[in-house]
Each structure stands twice: as structure tokens, then as C-alpha cells.
Amino acid sequence: MQVSLQINEPQTERLNKLEQLTGRTKSFFISEAINHYLDDWDDVQSAEQILLNIRSGSEPVVSWEDLKGRNGI
């Protein structure tokens, strides 16, 4: 899929520096940034679901004291 976007001058300058330093294209870095954002989004969604499960009582929870005891700490 091809996408068109506008970025501000400071972002353009930073991408130009990366491109010069690494030999990789601006498109590569933009794609990597999108991938990192999507990975972070997935992590947030998972964390929110786990929190909902904890609050509803359907997710097992171990107290700090129990965890220390189980591990001999």
C-alpha cells in the first residue's frame, strides 16, 4: 500500500540525517515508526484487557508477599 503524508521541517531534517548516517531510506524509518506504534498499540490493548480481567476477578493475581514466599525471598 502506498501512503502520502506531510511532515514538518524538523522531522524532515531528522529523517535526512538518519538517511545519510545509515544509508537507509526515509520510507524505511517511517515504516519502522509505524510498526513500533502498532506494536505499542497492541501492548496497550492487551494490558487494558488484562486490567479489566483483574478487576472482574477472572485474571489470577499473586500478591507480592506470596510471590516472595514462593521464591524464597
PDB file of N, CA and C in Angstrom:
ATOM      1  N   MET A   1       0.850  -1.179   0.000  1.00  0.00           N
ATOM      2  CA  MET A   1       0.000   0.000   0.000  1.00  0.00           C
ATOM      3  C   MET A   1       0.888   1.233   0.000  1.00  0.00           C
ATOM      4  N   GLN A   2       0.506   2.193  -0.771  1.00  0.00           N
ATOM      5  CA  GLN A   2       1.253   3.430  -0.834  1.00  0.00           C
ATOM      6  C   GLN A   2       0.486   4.494  -0.075  1.00  0.00           C
ATOM      7  N   VAL A   3       1.217   5.303   0.708  1.00  0.00           N
ATOM      8  CA  VAL A   3       0.610   6.335   1.532  1.00  0.00           C
ATOM      9  C   VAL A   3       1.340   7.646   1.285  1.00  0.00           C
ATOM     10  N   SER A   4       0.596   8.719   1.316  1.00  0.00           N
ATOM     11  CA  SER A   4       1.191  10.047   1.186  1.00  0.00           C
ATOM     12  C   SER A   4       0.977  10.792   2.496  1.00  0.00           C
ATOM     13  N   LEU A   5       2.018  11.496   2.962  1.00  0.00           N
ATOM     14  CA  LEU A   5       1.866  12.249   4.195  1.00  0.00           C
ATOM     15  C   LEU A   5       2.751  13.477   4.159  1.00  0.00           C
ATOM     16  N   GLN A   6       2.412  14.430   4.998  1.00  0.00           N
ATOM     17  CA  GLN A   6       3.218  15.628   5.132  1.00  0.00           C
ATOM     18  C   GLN A   6       3.840  15.611   6.522  1.00  0.00           C
ATOM     19  N   ILE A   7       5.119  15.921   6.587  1.00  0.00           N
ATOM     20  CA  ILE A   7       5.793  16.014   7.875  1.00  0.00           C
ATOM     21  C   ILE A   7       6.440  17.388   7.985  1.00  0.00           C
ATOM     22  N   ASN A   8       6.630  17.834   9.222  1.00  0.00           N
ATOM     23  CA  ASN A   8       7.168  19.179   9.412  1.00  0.00           C
ATOM     24  C   ASN A   8       8.673  19.215   9.148  1.00  0.00           C
ATOM     25  N   GLU A   9       9.213  20.412   9.105  1.00  0.00           N
ATOM     26  CA  GLU A   9      10.621  20.598   8.746  1.00  0.00           C
ATOM     27  C   GLU A   9      11.581  19.919   9.726  1.00  0.00           C
ATOM     28  N   PRO A  10      11.383  20.038  11.049  1.00  0.00           N
ATOM     29  CA  PRO A  10      12.300  19.338  11.961  1.00  0.00           C
ATOM     30  C   PRO A  10      12.304  17.823  11.758  1.00  0.00           C
ATOM     31  N   GLN A  11      11.148  17.248  11.488  1.00  0.00           N
ATOM     32  CA  GLN A  11      11.085  15.806  11.230  1.00  0.00           C
ATOM     33  C   GLN A  11      11.811  15.466   9.933  1.00  0.00           C
ATOM     34  N   THR A  12      11.636  16.296   8.927  1.00  0.00           N
ATOM     35  CA  THR A  12      12.316  16.081   7.653  1.00  0.00           C
ATOM     36  C   THR A  12      13.825  16.123   7.846  1.00  0.00           C
ATOM     37  N   GLU A  13      14.308  17.098   8.610  1.00  0.00           N
ATOM     38  CA  GLU A  13      15.740  17.213   8.865  1.00  0.00           C
ATOM     39  C   GLU A  13      16.272  15.984   9.602  1.00  0.00           C
ATOM     40  N   ARG A  14      15.522  15.519  10.581  1.00  0.00           N
ATOM     41  CA  ARG A  14      15.946  14.326  11.337  1.00  0.00           C
ATOM     42  C   ARG A  14      15.984  13.101  10.436  1.00  0.00           C
ATOM     43  N   LEU A  15      14.978  12.951   9.594  1.00  0.00           N
ATOM     44  CA  LEU A  15      14.958  11.818   8.669  1.00  0.00           C
ATOM     45  C   LEU A  15      16.111  11.902   7.668  1.00  0.00           C
ATOM     46  N   ASN A  16      16.397  13.107   7.201  1.00  0.00           N
ATOM     47  CA  ASN A  16      17.524  13.280   6.268  1.00  0.00           C
ATOM     48  C   ASN A  16      18.838  12.868   6.930  1.00  0.00           C
ATOM     49  N   LYS A  17      19.033  13.251   8.199  1.00  0.00           N
ATOM     50  CA  LYS A  17      20.246  12.859   8.923  1.00  0.00           C
ATOM     51  C   LYS A  17      20.341  11.348   9.058  1.00  0.00           C
ATOM     52  N   LEU A  18      19.223  10.716   9.441  1.00  0.00           N
ATOM     53  CA  LEU A  18      19.212   9.257   9.565  1.00  0.00           C
ATOM     54  C   LEU A  18      19.548   8.593   8.243  1.00  0.00           C
ATOM     55  N   GLU A  19      18.964   9.121   7.196  1.00  0.00           N
ATOM     56  CA  GLU A  19      19.194   8.558   5.866  1.00  0.00           C
ATOM     57  C   GLU A  19      20.684   8.639   5.505  1.00  0.00           C
ATOM     58  N   GLN A  20      21.294   9.786   5.785  1.00  0.00           N
ATOM     59  CA  GLN A  20      22.713   9.978   5.474  1.00  0.00           C
ATOM     60  C   GLN A  20      23.600   9.095   6.347  1.00  0.00           C
ATOM     61  N   LEU A  21      23.267   9.003   7.639  1.00  0.00           N
ATOM     62  CA  LEU A  21      24.098   8.236   8.568  1.00  0.00           C
ATOM     63  C   LEU A  21      24.019   6.732   8.341  1.00  0.00           C
ATOM     64  N   THR A  22      22.864   6.255   7.937  1.00  0.00           N
ATOM     65  CA  THR A  22      22.644   4.809   7.877  1.00  0.00           C
ATOM     66  C   THR A  22      22.595   4.231   6.470  1.00  0.00           C
ATOM     67  N   GLY A  23      22.325   5.082   5.489  1.00  0.00           N
ATOM     68  CA  GLY A  23      22.148   4.581   4.132  1.00  0.00           C
ATOM     69  C   GLY A  23      20.772   3.984   3.891  1.00  0.00           C
ATOM     70  N   ARG A  24      19.929   4.041   4.881  1.00  0.00           N
ATOM     71  CA  ARG A  24      18.549   3.545   4.718  1.00  0.00           C
ATOM     72  C   ARG A  24      17.658   4.704   4.268  1.00  0.00           C
ATOM     73  N   THR A  25      16.530   4.356   3.678  1.00  0.00           N
ATOM     74  CA  THR A  25      15.640   5.391   3.142  1.00  0.00           C
ATOM     75  C   THR A  25      14.736   5.968   4.226  1.00  0.00           C
ATOM     76  N   LYS A  26      14.218   7.160   3.928  1.00  0.00           N
ATOM     77  CA  LYS A  26      13.231   7.768   4.830  1.00  0.00           C
ATOM     78  C   LYS A  26      12.009   6.854   4.953  1.00  0.00           C
ATOM     79  N   SER A  27      11.640   6.219   3.848  1.00  0.00           N
ATOM     80  CA  SER A  27      10.494   5.300   3.868  1.00  0.00           C
ATOM     81  C   SER A  27      10.720   4.164   4.857  1.00  0.00           C
ATOM     82  N   PHE A  28      11.959   3.674   4.926  1.00  0.00           N
ATOM     83  CA  PHE A  28      12.265   2.613   5.873  1.00  0.00           C
ATOM     84  C   PHE A  28      11.981   3.074   7.299  1.00  0.00           C
ATOM     85  N   PHE A  29      12.470   4.271   7.647  1.00  0.00           N
ATOM     86  CA  PHE A  29      12.295   4.766   9.014  1.00  0.00           C
ATOM     87  C   PHE A  29      10.834   5.078   9.333  1.00  0.00           C
ATOM     88  N   ILE A  30      10.111   5.596   8.358  1.00  0.00           N
ATOM     89  CA  ILE A  30       8.683   5.862   8.571  1.00  0.00           C
ATOM     90  C   ILE A  30       7.937   4.550   8.784  1.00  0.00           C
ATOM     91  N   SER A  31       8.268   3.546   7.988  1.00  0.00           N
ATOM     92  CA  SER A  31       7.643   2.234   8.146  1.00  0.00           C
ATOM     93  C   SER A  31       7.970   1.631   9.512  1.00  0.00           C
ATOM     94  N   GLU A  32       9.236   1.752   9.932  1.00  0.00           N
ATOM     95  CA  GLU A  32       9.635   1.257  11.257  1.00  0.00           C
ATOM     96  C   GLU A  32       8.875   1.974  12.360  1.00  0.00           C
ATOM     97  N   ALA A  33       8.711   3.288  12.223  1.00  0.00           N
ATOM     98  CA  ALA A  33       7.979   4.059  13.233  1.00  0.00           C
ATOM     99  C   ALA A  33       6.527   3.586  13.330  1.00  0.00           C
ATOM    100  N   ILE A  34       5.915   3.330  12.196  1.00  0.00           N
ATOM    101  CA  ILE A  34       4.533   2.829  12.190  1.00  0.00           C
ATOM    102  C   ILE A  34       4.474   1.456  12.850  1.00  0.00           C
ATOM    103  N   ASN A  35       5.431   0.590  12.527  1.00  0.00           N
ATOM    104  CA  ASN A  35       5.456  -0.739  13.144  1.00  0.00           C
ATOM    105  C   ASN A  35       5.594  -0.649  14.665  1.00  0.00           C
ATOM    106  N   HIS A  36       6.483   0.226  15.138  1.00  0.00           N
ATOM    107  CA  HIS A  36       6.646   0.397  16.592  1.00  0.00           C
ATOM    108  C   HIS A  36       5.364   0.925  17.224  1.00  0.00           C
ATOM    109  N   TYR A  37       4.723   1.876  16.570  1.00  0.00           N
ATOM    110  CA  TYR A  37       3.461   2.411  17.084  1.00  0.00           C
ATOM    111  C   TYR A  37       2.409   1.304  17.175  1.00  0.00           C
ATOM    112  N   LEU A  38       2.285   0.516  16.121  1.00  0.00           N
ATOM    113  CA  LEU A  38       1.281  -0.555  16.122  1.00  0.00           C
ATOM    114  C   LEU A  38       1.589  -1.609  17.185  1.00  0.00           C
ATOM    115  N   ASP A  39       2.872  -1.934  17.369  1.00  0.00           N
ATOM    116  CA  ASP A  39       3.253  -2.865  18.437  1.00  0.00           C
ATOM    117  C   ASP A  39       2.884  -2.304  19.804  1.00  0.00           C
ATOM    118  N   ASP A  40       3.161  -1.011  20.008  1.00  0.00           N
ATOM    119  CA  ASP A  40       2.802  -0.372  21.277  1.00  0.00           C
ATOM    120  C   ASP A  40       1.292  -0.382  21.480  1.00  0.00           C
ATOM    121  N   TRP A  41       0.549  -0.129  20.412  1.00  0.00           N
ATOM    122  CA  TRP A  41      -0.914  -0.136  20.484  1.00  0.00           C
ATOM    123  C   TRP A  41      -1.415  -1.522  20.907  1.00  0.00           C
ATOM    124  N   ASP A  42      -0.849  -2.563  20.312  1.00  0.00           N
ATOM    125  CA  ASP A  42      -1.226  -3.928  20.692  1.00  0.00           C
ATOM    126  C   ASP A  42      -0.931  -4.186  22.166  1.00  0.00           C
ATOM    127  N   ASP A  43       0.226  -3.718  22.646  1.00  0.00           N
ATOM    128  CA  ASP A  43       0.591  -3.894  24.054  1.00  0.00           C
ATOM    129  C   ASP A  43      -0.397  -3.188  24.974  1.00  0.00           C
ATOM    130  N   VAL A  44      -0.789  -1.982  24.610  1.00  0.00           N
ATOM    131  CA  VAL A  44      -1.755  -1.232  25.424  1.00  0.00           C
ATOM    132  C   VAL A  44      -3.097  -1.956  25.456  1.00  0.00           C
ATOM    133  N   GLN A  45      -3.534  -2.445  24.301  1.00  0.00           N
ATOM    134  CA  GLN A  45      -4.811  -3.152  24.256  1.00  0.00           C
ATOM    135  C   GLN A  45      -4.774  -4.409  25.128  1.00  0.00           C
ATOM    136  N   SER A  46      -3.673  -5.140  25.069  1.00  0.00           N
ATOM    137  CA  SER A  46      -3.525  -6.338  25.907  1.00  0.00           C
ATOM    138  C   SER A  46      -3.534  -5.972  27.382  1.00  0.00           C
ATOM    139  N   ALA A  47      -2.797  -4.930  27.733  1.00  0.00           N
ATOM    140  CA  ALA A  47      -2.731  -4.504  29.137  1.00  0.00           C
ATOM    141  C   ALA A  47      -4.103  -4.062  29.632  1.00  0.00           C
ATOM    142  N   GLU A  48      -4.830  -3.333  28.809  1.00  0.00           N
ATOM    143  CA  GLU A  48      -6.168  -2.893  29.215  1.00  0.00           C
ATOM    144  C   GLU A  48      -7.098  -4.084  29.420  1.00  0.00           C
ATOM    145  N   GLN A  49      -6.995  -5.092  28.549  1.00  0.00           N
ATOM    146  CA  GLN A  49      -7.837  -6.279  28.700  1.00  0.00           C
ATOM    147  C   GLN A  49      -7.482  -7.037  29.974  1.00  0.00           C
ATOM    148  N   ILE A  50      -6.199  -7.177  30.250  1.00  0.00           N
ATOM    149  CA  ILE A  50      -5.779  -7.857  31.473  1.00  0.00           C
ATOM    150  C   ILE A  50      -6.268  -7.097  32.699  1.00  0.00           C
ATOM    151  N   LEU A  51      -6.169  -5.770  32.670  1.00  0.00           N
ATOM    152  CA  LEU A  51      -6.660  -4.968  33.794  1.00  0.00           C
ATOM    153  C   LEU A  51      -8.157  -5.175  34.001  1.00  0.00           C
ATOM    154  N   LEU A  52      -8.920  -5.199  32.918  1.00  0.00           N
ATOM    155  CA  LEU A  52     -10.359  -5.468  33.031  1.00  0.00           C
ATOM    156  C   LEU A  52     -10.599  -6.853  33.633  1.00  0.00           C
ATOM    157  N   ASN A  53      -9.813  -7.838  33.203  1.00  0.00           N
ATOM    158  CA  ASN A  53      -9.953  -9.192  33.740  1.00  0.00           C
ATOM    159  C   ASN A  53      -9.614  -9.236  35.227  1.00  0.00           C
ATOM    160  N   ILE A  54      -8.567  -8.517  35.628  1.00  0.00           N
ATOM    161  CA  ILE A  54      -8.199  -8.467  37.046  1.00  0.00           C
ATOM    162  C   ILE A  54      -9.331  -7.855  37.851  1.00  0.00           C
ATOM    163  N   ARG A  55      -9.856  -6.754  37.365  1.00  0.00           N
ATOM    164  CA  ARG A  55     -10.935  -6.070  38.088  1.00  0.00           C
ATOM    165  C   ARG A  55     -12.199  -6.924  38.176  1.00  0.00           C
ATOM    166  N   SER A  56     -12.436  -7.759  37.172  1.00  0.00           N
ATOM    167  CA  SER A  56     -13.630  -8.605  37.187  1.00  0.00           C
ATOM    168  C   SER A  56     -13.405  -9.902  37.967  1.00  0.00           C
ATOM    169  N   GLY A  57     -12.142 -10.152  38.335  1.00  0.00           N
ATOM    170  CA  GLY A  57     -11.830 -11.353  39.090  1.00  0.00           C
ATOM    171  C   GLY A  57     -11.529 -12.572  38.235  1.00  0.00           C
ATOM    172  N   SER A  58     -11.479 -12.404  36.924  1.00  0.00           N
ATOM    173  CA  SER A  58     -11.234 -13.557  36.046  1.00  0.00           C
ATOM    174  C   SER A  58      -9.752 -13.756  35.720  1.00  0.00           C
ATOM    175  N   GLU A  59      -8.900 -12.866  36.184  1.00  0.00           N
ATOM    176  CA  GLU A  59      -7.450 -12.989  35.969  1.00  0.00           C
ATOM    177  C   GLU A  59      -6.798 -13.280  37.312  1.00  0.00           C
ATOM    178  N   PRO A  60      -6.034 -14.375  37.413  1.00  0.00           N
ATOM    179  CA  PRO A  60      -5.397 -14.681  38.694  1.00  0.00           C
ATOM    180  C   PRO A  60      -4.355 -13.625  39.053  1.00  0.00           C
ATOM    181  N   VAL A  61      -4.300 -13.308  40.341  1.00  0.00           N
ATOM    182  CA  VAL A  61      -3.378 -12.301  40.842  1.00  0.00           C
ATOM    183  C   VAL A  61      -2.613 -12.907  42.017  1.00  0.00           C
ATOM    184  N   VAL A  62      -1.320 -12.637  42.070  1.00  0.00           N
ATOM    185  CA  VAL A  62      -0.479 -13.116  43.167  1.00  0.00           C
ATOM    186  C   VAL A  62       0.054 -11.892  43.895  1.00  0.00           C
ATOM    187  N   SER A  63      -0.095 -11.874  45.219  1.00  0.00           N
ATOM    188  CA  SER A  63       0.406 -10.738  45.983  1.00  0.00           C
ATOM    189  C   SER A  63       1.928 -10.763  46.018  1.00  0.00           C
ATOM    190  N   TRP A  64       2.521  -9.621  46.313  1.00  0.00           N
ATOM    191  CA  TRP A  64       3.971  -9.518  46.420  1.00  0.00           C
ATOM    192  C   TRP A  64       4.489 -10.443  47.512  1.00  0.00           C
ATOM    193  N   GLU A  65       3.796 -10.495  48.623  1.00  0.00           N
ATOM    194  CA  GLU A  65       4.202 -11.360  49.728  1.00  0.00           C
ATOM    195  C   GLU A  65       4.183 -12.821  49.318  1.00  0.00           C
ATOM    196  N   ASP A  66       3.126 -13.262  48.636  1.00  0.00           N
ATOM    197  CA  ASP A  66       3.060 -14.652  48.166  1.00  0.00           C
ATOM    198  C   ASP A  66       4.163 -14.952  47.162  1.00  0.00           C
ATOM    199  N   LEU A  67       4.430 -14.012  46.274  1.00  0.00           N
ATOM    200  CA  LEU A  67       5.467 -14.203  45.278  1.00  0.00           C
ATOM    201  C   LEU A  67       6.837 -14.347  45.940  1.00  0.00           C
ATOM    202  N   LYS A  68       7.115 -13.500  46.923  1.00  0.00           N
ATOM    203  CA  LYS A  68       8.382 -13.596  47.631  1.00  0.00           C
ATOM    204  C   LYS A  68       8.481 -14.940  48.351  1.00  0.00           C
ATOM    205  N   GLY A  69       7.405 -15.378  48.970  1.00  0.00           N
ATOM    206  CA  GLY A  69       7.407 -16.646  49.677  1.00  0.00           C
ATOM    207  C   GLY A  69       7.626 -17.826  48.768  1.00  0.00           C
ATOM    208  N   ARG A  70       6.987 -17.805  47.613  1.00  0.00           N
ATOM    209  CA  ARG A  70       7.149 -18.899  46.648  1.00  0.00           C
ATOM    210  C   ARG A  70       8.568 -18.993  46.110  1.00  0.00           C
ATOM    211  N   ASN A  71       9.271 -17.904  46.116  1.00  0.00           N
ATOM    212  CA  ASN A  71      10.616 -17.858  45.538  1.00  0.00           C
ATOM    213  C   ASN A  71      11.703 -17.745  46.591  1.00  0.00           C
ATOM    214  N   GLY A  72      11.340 -17.928  47.847  1.00  0.00           N
ATOM    215  CA  GLY A  72      12.316 -17.919  48.920  1.00  0.00           C
ATOM    216  C   GLY A  72      13.023 -16.598  49.112  1.00  0.00           C
ATOM    217  N   ILE A  73      12.333 -15.537  48.877  1.00  0.00           N
ATOM    218  CA  ILE A  73      12.943 -14.209  49.038  1.00  0.00           C
ATOM    219  C   ILE A  73      12.568 -13.626  50.398  1.00  0.00           C
TER     220      ILE A  73
END
